[in-house]
C-alpha atoms as a PDB file:
ATOM      1  CA  MET A   1      38.614 -11.039   0.940  1.00  0.00           C
ATOM      2  CA  ALA A   2      35.149  -9.426   1.691  1.00  0.00           C
ATOM      3  CA  ASP A   3      32.063 -11.239   1.324  1.00  0.00           C
ATOM      4  CA  SER A   4      30.016 -11.044  -1.841  1.00  0.00           C
ATOM      5  CA  SER A   5      26.302 -10.509  -1.514  1.00  0.00           C
ATOM      6  CA  PHE A   6      22.978 -10.016  -3.347  1.00  0.00           C
ATOM      7  CA  ASP A   7      19.426  -9.082  -2.329  1.00  0.00           C
ATOM      8  CA  VAL A   8      16.434 -11.259  -3.046  1.00  0.00           C
ATOM      9  CA  VAL A   9      13.435  -8.669  -3.512  1.00  0.00           C
ATOM     10  CA  SER A  10       9.880  -8.732  -4.958  1.00  0.00           C
ATOM     11  CA  LYS A  11       9.231  -5.383  -6.649  1.00  0.00           C
ATOM     12  CA  ILE A  12       7.013  -4.258  -9.432  1.00  0.00           C
ATOM     13  CA  ASP A  13       7.861  -1.547 -12.007  1.00  0.00           C
ATOM     14  CA  GLY A  14       4.835   0.854 -11.604  1.00  0.00           C
ATOM     15  CA  MET A  15       5.350   2.125 -15.255  1.00  0.00           C
ATOM     16  CA  GLU A  16       5.254  -1.233 -16.718  1.00  0.00           C
ATOM     17  CA  VAL A  17       2.113  -2.002 -14.800  1.00  0.00           C
ATOM     18  CA  GLU A  18       0.516   1.232 -15.982  1.00  0.00           C
ATOM     19  CA  ASN A  19       1.593   0.402 -19.637  1.00  0.00           C
ATOM     20  CA  ALA A  20       0.186  -3.033 -19.432  1.00  0.00           C
ATOM     21  CA  VAL A  21      -3.166  -1.838 -18.144  1.00  0.00           C
ATOM     22  CA  ASN A  22      -3.357   0.876 -20.824  1.00  0.00           C
ATOM     23  CA  GLN A  23      -2.489  -1.534 -23.651  1.00  0.00           C
ATOM     24  CA  ALA A  24      -5.197  -3.979 -22.264  1.00  0.00           C
ATOM     25  CA  ARG A  25      -7.705  -1.198 -22.108  1.00  0.00           C
ATOM     26  CA  LYS A  26      -6.828  -0.211 -25.748  1.00  0.00           C
ATOM     27  CA  GLU A  27      -7.226  -3.667 -26.976  1.00  0.00           C
ATOM     28  CA  ILE A  28     -10.626  -4.149 -25.259  1.00  0.00           C
ATOM     29  CA  GLU A  29     -11.811  -0.766 -26.964  1.00  0.00           C
ATOM     30  CA  GLN A  30     -10.571  -2.190 -30.341  1.00  0.00           C
ATOM     31  CA  ARG A  31     -11.880  -5.726 -30.224  1.00  0.00           C
ATOM     32  CA  TYR A  32     -15.047  -6.531 -31.871  1.00  0.00           C
ATOM     33  CA  ASP A  33     -16.017  -9.279 -29.248  1.00  0.00           C
ATOM     34  CA  PHE A  34     -15.843  -6.620 -26.584  1.00  0.00           C
ATOM     35  CA  LYS A  35     -18.198  -4.096 -28.181  1.00  0.00           C
ATOM     36  CA  GLY A  36     -21.286  -3.298 -26.093  1.00  0.00           C
ATOM     37  CA  VAL A  37     -20.472  -5.522 -23.186  1.00  0.00           C
ATOM     38  CA  GLY A  38     -19.252  -2.732 -20.852  1.00  0.00           C
ATOM     39  CA  ALA A  39     -15.826  -4.073 -20.681  1.00  0.00           C
ATOM     40  CA  ASP A  40     -13.293  -1.907 -18.821  1.00  0.00           C
ATOM     41  CA  VAL A  41      -9.887  -2.252 -16.897  1.00  0.00           C
ATOM     42  CA  THR A  42      -8.860   0.437 -14.540  1.00  0.00           C
ATOM     43  CA  LEU A  43      -5.802   0.891 -12.320  1.00  0.00           C
ATOM     44  CA  SER A  44      -6.017   2.682  -9.083  1.00  0.00           C
ATOM     45  CA  GLY A  45      -2.927   2.708  -6.805  1.00  0.00           C
ATOM     46  CA  GLU A  46      -2.206  -0.920  -5.905  1.00  0.00           C
ATOM     47  CA  ALA A  47      -5.535  -2.289  -7.371  1.00  0.00           C
ATOM     48  CA  ILE A  48      -6.780  -3.258 -10.832  1.00  0.00           C
ATOM     49  CA  LEU A  49     -10.628  -3.253 -11.420  1.00  0.00           C
ATOM     50  CA  ILE A  50     -12.022  -5.396 -14.219  1.00  0.00           C
ATOM     51  CA  LYS A  51     -15.577  -4.705 -15.278  1.00  0.00           C
ATOM     52  CA  ALA A  52     -17.877  -6.453 -17.764  1.00  0.00           C
ATOM     53  CA  ASN A  53     -21.634  -7.276 -18.111  1.00  0.00           C
ATOM     54  CA  THR A  54     -21.065 -11.022 -17.799  1.00  0.00           C
ATOM     55  CA  GLU A  55     -18.802 -13.283 -15.892  1.00  0.00           C
ATOM     56  CA  GLU A  56     -17.249 -14.811 -19.194  1.00  0.00           C
ATOM     57  CA  ARG A  57     -16.436 -11.377 -20.592  1.00  0.00           C
ATOM     58  CA  ALA A  58     -14.899 -10.395 -17.184  1.00  0.00           C
ATOM     59  CA  ASN A  59     -12.720 -13.556 -17.447  1.00  0.00           C
ATOM     60  CA  ALA A  60     -11.854 -12.590 -21.111  1.00  0.00           C
ATOM     61  CA  VAL A  61     -10.698  -9.103 -20.082  1.00  0.00           C
ATOM     62  CA  LEU A  62      -8.560 -10.695 -17.289  1.00  0.00           C
ATOM     63  CA  ASP A  63      -6.973 -12.805 -19.921  1.00  0.00           C
ATOM     64  CA  VAL A  64      -6.082  -9.874 -22.140  1.00  0.00           C
ATOM     65  CA  LEU A  65      -4.651  -8.175 -18.996  1.00  0.00           C
ATOM     66  CA  GLN A  66      -2.605 -11.247 -18.100  1.00  0.00           C
ATOM     67  CA  SER A  67      -1.040 -11.432 -21.711  1.00  0.00           C
ATOM     68  CA  LYS A  68      -0.110  -7.775 -21.554  1.00  0.00           C
ATOM     69  CA  PHE A  69       1.592  -8.472 -18.121  1.00  0.00           C
ATOM     70  CA  ILE A  70       3.500 -11.147 -19.806  1.00  0.00           C
ATOM     71  CA  LYS A  71       4.443  -9.200 -22.809  1.00  0.00           C
ATOM     72  CA  ARG A  72       5.795  -6.273 -20.659  1.00  0.00           C
ATOM     73  CA  GLY A  73       7.977  -8.785 -18.714  1.00  0.00           C
ATOM     74  CA  LEU A  74       6.054  -8.754 -15.424  1.00  0.00           C
ATOM     75  CA  SER A  75       5.354 -11.747 -13.533  1.00  0.00           C
ATOM     76  CA  LEU A  76       1.697 -13.076 -12.924  1.00  0.00           C
ATOM     77  CA  LYS A  77       2.862 -13.960  -9.448  1.00  0.00           C
ATOM     78  CA  SER A  78       2.833 -10.398  -8.717  1.00  0.00           C
ATOM     79  CA  LEU A  79      -0.942 -10.161  -9.617  1.00  0.00           C
ATOM     80  CA  GLU A  80      -3.233 -11.505  -6.924  1.00  0.00           C
ATOM     81  CA  THR A  81      -6.683 -12.075  -8.580  1.00  0.00           C
ATOM     82  CA  GLY A  82      -9.987 -12.543  -6.920  1.00  0.00           C
ATOM     83  CA  ASP A  83     -13.035 -14.325  -8.295  1.00  0.00           C
ATOM     84  CA  PRO A  84     -15.663 -12.573 -10.403  1.00  0.00           C
ATOM     85  CA  PHE A  85     -18.587 -11.170  -8.363  1.00  0.00           C
ATOM     86  CA  ALA A  86     -21.789  -9.419  -9.404  1.00  0.00           C
ATOM     87  CA  SER A  87     -22.127  -5.768  -8.598  1.00  0.00           C
ATOM     88  CA  GLY A  88     -25.426  -4.521  -9.838  1.00  0.00           C
ATOM     89  CA  LYS A  89     -25.786  -5.190 -13.627  1.00  0.00           C
ATOM     90  CA  GLU A  90     -22.214  -5.899 -14.041  1.00  0.00           C
ATOM     91  CA  TYR A  91     -19.495  -8.385 -13.037  1.00  0.00           C
ATOM     92  CA  ARG A  92     -16.252  -7.119 -11.420  1.00  0.00           C
ATOM     93  CA  ILE A  93     -12.749  -8.863 -10.833  1.00  0.00           C
ATOM     94  CA  GLU A  94     -10.562  -7.035  -8.230  1.00  0.00           C
ATOM     95  CA  SER A  95      -6.853  -7.741  -8.553  1.00  0.00           C
ATOM     96  CA  LYS A  96      -4.120  -6.483  -6.133  1.00  0.00           C
ATOM     97  CA  LEU A  97      -0.406  -5.970  -6.945  1.00  0.00           C
ATOM     98  CA  LYS A  98       1.897  -7.814  -4.584  1.00  0.00           C
ATOM     99  CA  GLU A  99       5.103  -6.345  -3.645  1.00  0.00           C
ATOM    100  CA  GLY A 100       7.684  -7.312  -1.042  1.00  0.00           C
ATOM    101  CA  ILE A 101       8.501 -10.795   0.398  1.00  0.00           C
ATOM    102  CA  ASP A 102       6.147 -11.544   3.212  1.00  0.00           C
ATOM    103  CA  GLN A 103       7.645 -13.230   6.561  1.00  0.00           C
ATOM    104  CA  PRO A 104       6.516 -16.859   5.877  1.00  0.00           C
ATOM    105  CA  THR A 105       7.925 -16.771   2.339  1.00  0.00           C
ATOM    106  CA  ALA A 106      11.207 -15.214   3.557  1.00  0.00           C
ATOM    107  CA  LYS A 107      11.394 -17.940   6.162  1.00  0.00           C
ATOM    108  CA  GLN A 108      10.847 -20.634   3.511  1.00  0.00           C
ATOM    109  CA  LEU A 109      13.493 -19.122   1.356  1.00  0.00           C
ATOM    110  CA  ASN A 110      15.940 -18.941   4.118  1.00  0.00           C
ATOM    111  CA  LYS A 111      15.225 -22.724   5.037  1.00  0.00           C
ATOM    112  CA  LEU A 112      15.663 -23.645   1.294  1.00  0.00           C
ATOM    113  CA  ILE A 113      19.180 -21.769   1.187  1.00  0.00           C
ATOM    114  CA  ARG A 114      20.148 -23.317   4.545  1.00  0.00           C
ATOM    115  CA  ASP A 115      19.285 -26.918   3.349  1.00  0.00           C
ATOM    116  CA  GLU A 116      20.210 -26.860  -0.372  1.00  0.00           C
ATOM    117  CA  ALA A 117      22.620 -24.179  -1.128  1.00  0.00           C
ATOM    118  CA  PRO A 118      26.473 -24.451  -0.667  1.00  0.00           C
ATOM    119  CA  LYS A 119      27.407 -24.488   2.808  1.00  0.00           C
ATOM    120  CA  THR A 120      29.336 -21.031   2.562  1.00  0.00           C
ATOM    121  CA  VAL A 121      26.117 -19.308   1.693  1.00  0.00           C
ATOM    122  CA  LYS A 122      24.468 -17.371   4.584  1.00  0.00           C
ATOM    123  CA  SER A 123      21.216 -15.557   4.419  1.00  0.00           C
ATOM    124  CA  GLN A 124      19.216 -13.167   6.615  1.00  0.00           C
ATOM    125  CA  ILE A 125      15.861 -11.572   6.362  1.00  0.00           C
ATOM    126  CA  GLN A 126      15.860  -7.773   6.228  1.00  0.00           C
ATOM    127  CA  GLY A 127      12.251  -6.335   6.272  1.00  0.00           C
ATOM    128  CA  ASP A 128      10.756  -7.366   3.074  1.00  0.00           C
ATOM    129  CA  GLU A 129      13.947  -8.564   1.419  1.00  0.00           C
ATOM    130  CA  LEU A 130      16.457 -11.275   1.744  1.00  0.00           C
ATOM    131  CA  ARG A 131      20.236 -10.631   1.862  1.00  0.00           C
ATOM    132  CA  VAL A 132      22.488 -13.603   0.773  1.00  0.00           C
ATOM    133  CA  SER A 133      26.232 -13.513   1.122  1.00  0.00           C
ATOM    134  CA  SER A 134      29.141 -15.730   0.721  1.00  0.00           C
ATOM    135  CA  LYS A 135      32.913 -15.629   0.078  1.00  0.00           C
ATOM    136  CA  SER A 136      32.517 -17.293  -3.148  1.00  0.00           C
ATOM    137  CA  ARG A 137      30.703 -15.627  -6.125  1.00  0.00           C
ATOM    138  CA  ASP A 138      30.216 -19.014  -7.736  1.00  0.00           C
ATOM    139  CA  ASP A 139      28.264 -20.205  -4.793  1.00  0.00           C
ATOM    140  CA  LEU A 140      26.048 -17.239  -5.078  1.00  0.00           C
ATOM    141  CA  GLN A 141      25.373 -17.799  -8.812  1.00  0.00           C
ATOM    142  CA  ASP A 142      24.332 -21.398  -7.721  1.00  0.00           C
ATOM    143  CA  THR A 143      22.042 -19.894  -4.973  1.00  0.00           C
ATOM    144  CA  ILE A 144      20.366 -17.773  -7.457  1.00  0.00           C
ATOM    145  CA  THR A 145      19.822 -20.621  -9.818  1.00  0.00           C
ATOM    146  CA  LEU A 146      18.320 -22.656  -6.762  1.00  0.00           C
ATOM    147  CA  LEU A 147      15.980 -19.744  -5.855  1.00  0.00           C
ATOM    148  CA  LYS A 148      14.890 -19.444  -9.464  1.00  0.00           C
ATOM    149  CA  GLY A 149      13.599 -22.926  -9.458  1.00  0.00           C
ATOM    150  CA  ALA A 150      12.043 -22.491  -5.954  1.00  0.00           C
ATOM    151  CA  ASP A 151       8.298 -22.837  -5.878  1.00  0.00           C
ATOM    152  CA  VAL A 152       7.181 -19.657  -4.203  1.00  0.00           C
ATOM    153  CA  ASP A 153       3.931 -17.421  -4.775  1.00  0.00           C
ATOM    154  CA  VAL A 154       6.074 -14.222  -5.226  1.00  0.00           C
ATOM    155  CA  ALA A 155       8.004 -12.985  -8.169  1.00  0.00           C
ATOM    156  CA  LEU A 156      11.771 -12.861  -7.108  1.00  0.00           C
ATOM    157  CA  GLN A 157      14.266 -10.400  -8.570  1.00  0.00           C
ATOM    158  CA  PHE A 158      17.956 -10.516  -7.626  1.00  0.00           C
ATOM    159  CA  VAL A 159      19.592  -7.073  -7.150  1.00  0.00           C
ATOM    160  CA  ASN A 160      22.775  -5.452  -5.669  1.00  0.00           C
ATOM    161  CA  PHE A 161      24.947  -8.345  -6.798  1.00  0.00           C
ATOM    162  CA  ARG A 162      28.616  -7.230  -5.365  1.00  0.00           C
END
């Protein structure tokens, strides 16, 4: 019998991010507490820029954006947010979208699988993803449960289960 396998990846759906940013922008334009504070959120490539005339308003805009991310099913782990900084007369917050599993995190997941997963499970790093294989599909299900409970700073998805 051939080995069963799945891939552990960290990907972001670009359309969902765009929808979340657009919904946040619409809510900011509608809400009374954001009138006249120059609040705005824009998406450009892999970066999201938040602007407002005070640091508190910029953080409030960030909260609105994060709530839209959650409603759209996007993990906040895929959003790397900086601190508010002054730029002229306004405050800005720059956020970057994180995609892919970096090498240290992949090694950490690999070690976790080696130490705590069933002994039939093997894993190997392939670029920015992790391939996990075993003869037993039940062992792979247990490994997915283990990885879901792991404390890592990236959003994990499990794809290509075969």
